Amino acid sequence: MDRPRRAASLGRRIGSLGLTVLLLIGTLVVGWLVWSVVEWRHGRTPAYRLLGLRVVGRSDGQPVGFWRSLARSGVCCPLLVVPTVVIGAIVGLCFAMGASPPDGLLSQPRAAPWDALTATTVLDERVPRRQELVADEGRIDPVGEVGATALEEPRQNGHVPG
C-alpha cells in the first residue's frame, strides 16, 4: 500500500515547532544542526522526521533537496517566524477575548509564508486511522469507525446550533 499523500494540519506543524525547540535545547543546538543537515537532503527536519512529516515541491510532489531545504528552513523560515508569531499572537488574543475560532482551525491544512516563497508543501506521511480500518475488500469497517453520524447537524463557527 502506498503512503498517503495528504497535507499536514496546522496542529501537526505547530507540534513540530514545539518539538524543534525541545530538540534544540536537548542537543545543545550543535546536535540539532548536524541532524538537520542530514535530514534536509530528504526534505525533512529532525522534528518532521520524528512526527512523520516531509517537505515536497508543489509542482512535482518530490521531496525537496538540500539547497531548497536550506533556503526554506535556514533562510526564509527564520526571517518570517517573528512576523508570523506576532500575527498569530494577535489572532490568539482575539480568541482569548471571546472570538470563536472556525471549525477545523488546527486540523485543516495550511501553508506557511516560507512554503509560498519556496513553492513547497508539508505532507503528513502517517497512515490515517481511516485507512487502518479498511477491510480487505476495500470497505470500511463500520464497527471500528468513530465519527459524526448522518443525523448530526453541521456546526457553525464552533458553536452547536440550538
Protein backbone atom coordinates (compact mmCIF):
# COMPACT_ATOMS: atom_id res chain seq x y z
CA MET A 1 0.00 0.00 0.00
CA ASP A 2 1.34 3.43 -0.96
CA ARG A 3 1.94 6.01 1.70
CA PRO A 4 -0.83 8.58 1.99
CA ARG A 5 -0.22 11.94 0.33
CA ARG A 6 -2.12 14.48 2.42
CA ALA A 7 -1.15 17.92 3.60
CA ALA A 8 -0.09 18.31 7.22
CA SER A 9 -2.52 20.06 9.52
CA LEU A 10 -1.71 23.28 11.32
CA GLY A 11 -1.78 21.42 14.62
CA ARG A 12 0.88 18.94 13.43
CA ARG A 13 3.06 21.79 12.16
CA ILE A 14 2.75 23.70 15.46
CA GLY A 15 3.62 20.48 17.28
CA SER A 16 6.75 20.15 15.17
CA LEU A 17 7.75 23.69 16.11
CA GLY A 18 7.44 22.83 19.81
CA LEU A 19 9.41 19.62 19.28
CA THR A 20 12.09 21.59 17.43
CA VAL A 21 12.55 23.87 20.45
CA LEU A 22 12.90 20.82 22.72
CA LEU A 23 15.39 19.21 20.32
CA LEU A 24 17.42 22.43 20.12
CA ILE A 25 17.68 22.54 23.91
CA GLY A 26 18.24 18.80 24.29
CA THR A 27 21.01 18.59 21.70
CA LEU A 28 22.62 21.90 22.70
CA VAL A 29 21.94 23.29 19.19
CA VAL A 30 25.04 21.64 17.69
CA GLY A 31 23.47 18.19 17.54
CA TRP A 32 20.32 19.66 16.01
CA LEU A 33 22.35 21.45 13.30
CA VAL A 34 24.22 18.27 12.34
CA TRP A 35 21.00 16.23 12.34
CA SER A 36 19.26 18.93 10.28
CA VAL A 37 21.91 18.90 7.56
CA VAL A 38 21.48 15.12 7.24
CA GLU A 39 17.66 15.36 7.15
CA TRP A 40 17.46 18.34 4.77
CA ARG A 41 18.62 16.10 1.92
CA HIS A 42 15.39 14.11 2.35
CA GLY A 43 13.02 17.08 2.70
CA ARG A 44 12.70 16.88 6.48
CA THR A 45 13.86 18.49 9.68
CA PRO A 46 14.62 16.42 12.79
CA ALA A 47 11.17 17.20 14.20
CA TYR A 48 9.47 16.43 10.89
CA ARG A 49 11.24 13.05 10.79
CA LEU A 50 10.04 12.17 14.29
CA LEU A 51 6.47 13.26 13.51
CA GLY A 52 6.22 11.66 10.05
CA LEU A 53 6.14 14.91 8.03
CA ARG A 54 8.01 15.71 4.81
CA VAL A 55 8.52 18.84 2.69
CA VAL A 56 7.85 18.31 -1.01
CA GLY A 57 7.81 20.56 -4.05
CA ARG A 58 4.35 21.76 -5.05
CA SER A 59 4.95 21.13 -8.75
CA ASP A 60 6.29 17.56 -8.67
CA GLY A 61 5.44 16.22 -5.20
CA GLN A 62 9.01 15.01 -4.72
CA PRO A 63 10.98 15.66 -1.51
CA VAL A 64 13.00 18.84 -1.77
CA GLY A 65 16.77 18.53 -1.73
CA PHE A 66 19.43 20.05 0.47
CA TRP A 67 19.66 23.52 -1.13
CA ARG A 68 15.91 24.10 -1.26
CA SER A 69 15.57 22.86 2.33
CA LEU A 70 18.38 25.20 3.35
CA ALA A 71 16.61 28.13 1.67
CA ARG A 72 13.31 27.20 3.32
CA SER A 73 14.46 26.18 6.81
CA GLY A 74 17.66 28.15 7.12
CA VAL A 75 16.80 31.48 5.46
CA CYS A 76 13.08 32.07 4.82
CA CYS A 77 11.71 30.46 7.96
CA PRO A 78 13.87 32.36 10.49
CA LEU A 79 13.19 35.68 8.72
CA LEU A 80 9.43 35.14 8.68
CA VAL A 81 8.91 33.43 12.07
CA VAL A 82 8.79 36.66 14.08
CA PRO A 83 6.07 38.36 11.98
CA THR A 84 4.13 35.09 11.81
CA VAL A 85 4.28 34.64 15.60
CA VAL A 86 3.22 38.27 16.18
CA ILE A 87 0.21 37.90 13.89
CA GLY A 88 -0.64 34.54 15.49
CA ALA A 89 -0.44 36.12 18.95
CA ILE A 90 -2.84 38.88 17.90
CA VAL A 91 -5.30 36.33 16.50
CA GLY A 92 -4.90 34.21 19.65
CA LEU A 93 -5.63 37.24 21.78
CA CYS A 94 -8.83 37.80 19.79
CA PHE A 95 -9.87 34.21 20.56
CA ALA A 96 -9.00 34.69 24.23
CA MET A 97 -11.20 37.79 24.34
CA GLY A 98 -14.21 35.84 23.10
CA ALA A 99 -14.00 35.45 19.35
CA SER A 100 -14.91 31.94 18.19
CA PRO A 101 -12.28 30.11 16.16
CA PRO A 102 -13.60 28.49 12.99
CA ASP A 103 -14.12 24.73 12.92
CA GLY A 104 -11.06 22.88 11.75
CA LEU A 105 -8.64 25.69 12.62
CA LEU A 106 -5.95 23.27 13.75
CA SER A 107 -6.96 20.24 11.70
CA GLN A 108 -7.20 21.70 8.19
CA PRO A 109 -4.04 22.05 6.09
CA ARG A 110 -2.43 25.48 5.99
CA ALA A 111 0.52 26.92 4.09
CA ALA A 112 3.16 28.93 5.90
CA PRO A 113 4.73 32.03 4.31
CA TRP A 114 8.02 30.18 3.76
CA ASP A 115 6.11 27.47 1.86
CA ALA A 116 4.71 30.10 -0.50
CA LEU A 117 8.18 31.59 -1.11
CA THR A 118 9.84 28.23 -1.81
CA ALA A 119 6.87 26.59 -3.64
CA THR A 120 6.72 23.72 -1.16
CA THR A 121 4.11 21.95 0.91
CA VAL A 122 4.36 19.78 4.01
CA LEU A 123 2.86 16.30 3.79
CA ASP A 124 1.78 14.08 6.66
CA GLU A 125 3.07 10.60 5.84
CA ARG A 126 1.47 8.82 8.79
CA VAL A 127 -1.20 6.26 7.95
CA PRO A 128 -4.53 7.87 8.85
CA ARG A 129 -6.87 5.99 11.19
CA ARG A 130 -9.47 5.64 8.44
CA GLN A 131 -7.05 3.67 6.23
CA GLU A 132 -6.17 1.33 9.11
CA LEU A 133 -9.85 0.36 9.29
CA VAL A 134 -10.17 -0.58 5.61
CA ALA A 135 -11.04 -4.25 5.20
CA ASP A 136 -9.52 -6.49 2.53
CA GLU A 137 -12.48 -5.90 0.18
CA GLY A 138 -11.83 -2.15 0.28
CA ARG A 139 -14.78 -1.34 2.53
CA ILE A 140 -14.54 0.50 5.81
CA ASP A 141 -15.27 -1.44 8.98
CA PRO A 142 -18.38 0.31 10.36
CA VAL A 143 -17.85 -1.05 13.86
CA GLY A 144 -14.35 0.39 14.16
CA GLU A 145 -15.06 3.81 12.67
CA VAL A 146 -15.74 6.65 15.06
CA GLY A 147 -17.07 9.95 13.84
CA ALA A 148 -20.06 12.07 13.04
CA THR A 149 -23.31 10.38 12.07
CA ALA A 150 -25.55 11.39 9.22
CA LEU A 151 -28.10 12.72 11.73
CA GLU A 152 -25.89 15.42 13.19
CA GLU A 153 -26.33 18.98 12.03
CA PRO A 154 -23.16 20.74 10.87
CA ARG A 155 -21.56 23.06 13.41
CA GLN A 156 -21.34 26.73 12.63
CA ASN A 157 -18.20 28.64 13.66
CA GLY A 158 -17.50 26.40 16.66
CA HIS A 159 -20.99 26.68 18.14
CA VAL A 160 -23.54 23.91 18.36
CA PRO A 161 -26.77 25.00 16.68
CA GLY A 162 -29.64 25.09 19.04
